[in-house]
Amino acid sequence: MRSEDLVEQFAQHVATQTEAIRRGDAKEGNKHAKKYTAALHELRARGDAGRDALSVLLKHPRTDVRAMAAAFLLRYRTAEAKAVLEAAAKEGGVAAIGAIMTLKRWEEGTWALDPG
């Protein structure tokens, strides 16, 4: 599968998970989390080329998609990813919670979403 298709799957499933969370449907949310995680694993298996492909989502129109991509790109695109997460944290909502926790883990030195 093309990297662009995996990136689109990642974005689609993050957005769908967010909508499920807003409805209080954890089962549906978890289903989509597994799907975006699968797309992410495929991209990471492609090394920096996969990370480069994912990085286009740092400018996605949806905050939740930008923030989720940024969470996984902190080591690779530190300044840009931190800026996205800091903006998401200020916006509030579902994406803010994850952004705040990701930034906290990064500052503590315990972040390990893309260990290298």
C-alpha atoms as a PDB file:
ATOM      1  CA  MET A   1       0.000   0.000   0.000  1.00  0.00           C
ATOM      2  CA  ARG A   2       1.220   3.504  -0.771  1.00  0.00           C
ATOM      3  CA  SER A   3       2.375   5.685   2.120  1.00  0.00           C
ATOM      4  CA  GLU A   4      -0.161   8.334   1.115  1.00  0.00           C
ATOM      5  CA  ASP A   5      -2.970   5.799   1.511  1.00  0.00           C
ATOM      6  CA  LEU A   6      -1.710   4.809   4.966  1.00  0.00           C
ATOM      7  CA  VAL A   7      -1.565   8.482   5.970  1.00  0.00           C
ATOM      8  CA  GLU A   8      -5.164   8.931   4.797  1.00  0.00           C
ATOM      9  CA  GLN A   9      -6.230   5.857   6.780  1.00  0.00           C
ATOM     10  CA  PHE A  10      -4.474   7.203   9.858  1.00  0.00           C
ATOM     11  CA  ALA A  11      -6.256  10.563   9.559  1.00  0.00           C
ATOM     12  CA  GLN A  12      -9.647   9.004   8.846  1.00  0.00           C
ATOM     13  CA  HIS A  13      -9.504   6.633  11.796  1.00  0.00           C
ATOM     14  CA  VAL A  14      -8.259   9.299  14.226  1.00  0.00           C
ATOM     15  CA  ALA A  15     -11.183  11.520  13.216  1.00  0.00           C
ATOM     16  CA  THR A  16     -13.670   8.662  13.484  1.00  0.00           C
ATOM     17  CA  GLN A  17     -12.300   7.707  16.894  1.00  0.00           C
ATOM     18  CA  THR A  18     -12.753  11.287  18.093  1.00  0.00           C
ATOM     19  CA  GLU A  19     -16.370  11.284  16.959  1.00  0.00           C
ATOM     20  CA  ALA A  20     -16.949   7.978  18.770  1.00  0.00           C
ATOM     21  CA  ILE A  21     -15.420   9.394  21.962  1.00  0.00           C
ATOM     22  CA  ARG A  22     -17.681  12.433  21.740  1.00  0.00           C
ATOM     23  CA  ARG A  23     -20.677  10.077  21.510  1.00  0.00           C
ATOM     24  CA  GLY A  24     -19.410   8.058  24.477  1.00  0.00           C
ATOM     25  CA  ASP A  25     -18.895   4.957  22.331  1.00  0.00           C
ATOM     26  CA  ALA A  26     -15.661   3.494  23.677  1.00  0.00           C
ATOM     27  CA  LYS A  27     -16.016   0.228  21.762  1.00  0.00           C
ATOM     28  CA  GLU A  28     -16.235   2.058  18.429  1.00  0.00           C
ATOM     29  CA  GLY A  29     -13.406   4.393  19.451  1.00  0.00           C
ATOM     30  CA  ASN A  30     -11.133   1.473  20.295  1.00  0.00           C
ATOM     31  CA  LYS A  31     -11.881  -0.166  16.946  1.00  0.00           C
ATOM     32  CA  HIS A  32     -10.672   2.935  15.117  1.00  0.00           C
ATOM     33  CA  ALA A  33      -7.665   3.321  17.413  1.00  0.00           C
ATOM     34  CA  LYS A  34      -6.530  -0.153  16.362  1.00  0.00           C
ATOM     35  CA  LYS A  35      -6.913   0.814  12.712  1.00  0.00           C
ATOM     36  CA  TYR A  36      -4.921   4.053  12.927  1.00  0.00           C
ATOM     37  CA  THR A  37      -2.289   2.252  14.988  1.00  0.00           C
ATOM     38  CA  ALA A  38      -1.988  -0.396  12.265  1.00  0.00           C
ATOM     39  CA  ALA A  39      -1.486   2.320   9.639  1.00  0.00           C
ATOM     40  CA  LEU A  40       1.099   3.966  11.883  1.00  0.00           C
ATOM     41  CA  HIS A  41       3.041   0.703  12.288  1.00  0.00           C
ATOM     42  CA  GLU A  42       3.152   0.302   8.509  1.00  0.00           C
ATOM     43  CA  LEU A  43       4.455   3.859   8.135  1.00  0.00           C
ATOM     44  CA  ARG A  44       7.064   3.418  10.863  1.00  0.00           C
ATOM     45  CA  ALA A  45       8.277   0.232   9.193  1.00  0.00           C
ATOM     46  CA  ARG A  46       9.235   2.467   6.251  1.00  0.00           C
ATOM     47  CA  GLY A  47      11.607   4.463   8.448  1.00  0.00           C
ATOM     48  CA  ASP A  48      12.068   8.159   7.869  1.00  0.00           C
ATOM     49  CA  ALA A  49      10.180   7.976   4.558  1.00  0.00           C
ATOM     50  CA  GLY A  50       7.100   6.852   6.506  1.00  0.00           C
ATOM     51  CA  ARG A  51       7.607   9.580   9.094  1.00  0.00           C
ATOM     52  CA  ASP A  52       7.957  12.146   6.315  1.00  0.00           C
ATOM     53  CA  ALA A  53       4.672  10.917   4.838  1.00  0.00           C
ATOM     54  CA  LEU A  54       2.937  11.190   8.224  1.00  0.00           C
ATOM     55  CA  SER A  55       4.308  14.694   8.774  1.00  0.00           C
ATOM     56  CA  VAL A  56       1.922  16.161   6.180  1.00  0.00           C
ATOM     57  CA  LEU A  57      -0.771  15.672   8.832  1.00  0.00           C
ATOM     58  CA  LEU A  58       0.872  18.321  11.026  1.00  0.00           C
ATOM     59  CA  LYS A  59      -1.018  20.783   8.825  1.00  0.00           C
ATOM     60  CA  HIS A  60      -4.305  18.836   8.660  1.00  0.00           C
ATOM     61  CA  PRO A  61      -7.470  20.926   9.119  1.00  0.00           C
ATOM     62  CA  ARG A  62      -8.629  18.841  12.112  1.00  0.00           C
ATOM     63  CA  THR A  63      -6.922  19.486  15.451  1.00  0.00           C
ATOM     64  CA  ASP A  64      -7.310  15.878  16.586  1.00  0.00           C
ATOM     65  CA  VAL A  65      -5.545  14.564  13.482  1.00  0.00           C
ATOM     66  CA  ARG A  66      -2.749  17.167  13.736  1.00  0.00           C
ATOM     67  CA  ALA A  67      -2.230  16.430  17.430  1.00  0.00           C
ATOM     68  CA  MET A  68      -2.199  12.656  17.023  1.00  0.00           C
ATOM     69  CA  ALA A  69       0.334  12.856  14.198  1.00  0.00           C
ATOM     70  CA  ALA A  70       2.428  15.276  16.264  1.00  0.00           C
ATOM     71  CA  ALA A  71       2.394  12.893  19.223  1.00  0.00           C
ATOM     72  CA  PHE A  72       4.079  10.247  17.103  1.00  0.00           C
ATOM     73  CA  LEU A  73       6.481  12.687  15.403  1.00  0.00           C
ATOM     74  CA  LEU A  74       7.982  14.388  18.455  1.00  0.00           C
ATOM     75  CA  ARG A  75      11.381  12.731  18.147  1.00  0.00           C
ATOM     76  CA  TYR A  76      11.533  13.178  14.388  1.00  0.00           C
ATOM     77  CA  ARG A  77      10.076  16.706  13.999  1.00  0.00           C
ATOM     78  CA  THR A  78      10.464  18.037  17.525  1.00  0.00           C
ATOM     79  CA  ALA A  79       9.908  21.798  17.112  1.00  0.00           C
ATOM     80  CA  GLU A  80       7.033  21.488  14.668  1.00  0.00           C
ATOM     81  CA  ALA A  81       5.335  18.674  16.606  1.00  0.00           C
ATOM     82  CA  LYS A  82       5.656  20.523  19.935  1.00  0.00           C
ATOM     83  CA  ALA A  83       4.100  23.641  18.411  1.00  0.00           C
ATOM     84  CA  VAL A  84       1.142  21.588  17.127  1.00  0.00           C
ATOM     85  CA  LEU A  85       0.663  19.915  20.510  1.00  0.00           C
ATOM     86  CA  GLU A  86       0.915  23.206  22.422  1.00  0.00           C
ATOM     87  CA  ALA A  87      -1.730  24.763  20.152  1.00  0.00           C
ATOM     88  CA  ALA A  88      -3.997  21.719  20.550  1.00  0.00           C
ATOM     89  CA  ALA A  89      -3.595  21.827  24.328  1.00  0.00           C
ATOM     90  CA  LYS A  90      -4.866  25.424  24.354  1.00  0.00           C
ATOM     91  CA  GLU A  91      -7.890  24.649  22.165  1.00  0.00           C
ATOM     92  CA  GLY A  92      -9.548  22.302  24.629  1.00  0.00           C
ATOM     93  CA  GLY A  93     -11.669  19.316  23.717  1.00  0.00           C
ATOM     94  CA  VAL A  94     -10.713  15.703  23.125  1.00  0.00           C
ATOM     95  CA  ALA A  95      -7.440  16.502  21.351  1.00  0.00           C
ATOM     96  CA  ALA A  96      -6.278  18.752  24.182  1.00  0.00           C
ATOM     97  CA  ILE A  97      -6.216  15.926  26.708  1.00  0.00           C
ATOM     98  CA  GLY A  98      -3.897  13.809  24.605  1.00  0.00           C
ATOM     99  CA  ALA A  99      -1.745  16.797  23.686  1.00  0.00           C
ATOM    100  CA  ILE A 100      -1.287  17.812  27.309  1.00  0.00           C
ATOM    101  CA  MET A 101      -0.358  14.274  28.368  1.00  0.00           C
ATOM    102  CA  THR A 102       2.036  13.848  25.442  1.00  0.00           C
ATOM    103  CA  LEU A 103       3.822  17.123  26.216  1.00  0.00           C
ATOM    104  CA  LYS A 104       4.050  16.150  29.884  1.00  0.00           C
ATOM    105  CA  ARG A 105       5.634  12.786  29.005  1.00  0.00           C
ATOM    106  CA  TRP A 106       8.032  14.531  26.597  1.00  0.00           C
ATOM    107  CA  GLU A 107       9.160  17.007  29.273  1.00  0.00           C
ATOM    108  CA  GLU A 108       9.540  14.200  31.836  1.00  0.00           C
ATOM    109  CA  GLY A 109      11.657  12.209  29.409  1.00  0.00           C
ATOM    110  CA  THR A 110       9.228   9.275  29.468  1.00  0.00           C
ATOM    111  CA  TRP A 111       7.740   9.751  25.983  1.00  0.00           C
ATOM    112  CA  ALA A 112       8.246   6.583  23.930  1.00  0.00           C
ATOM    113  CA  LEU A 113       5.753   6.648  21.050  1.00  0.00           C
ATOM    114  CA  ASP A 114       8.431   6.334  18.378  1.00  0.00           C
ATOM    115  CA  PRO A 115      11.528   5.009  20.103  1.00  0.00           C
ATOM    116  CA  GLY A 116      13.828   5.194  17.161  1.00  0.00           C
END
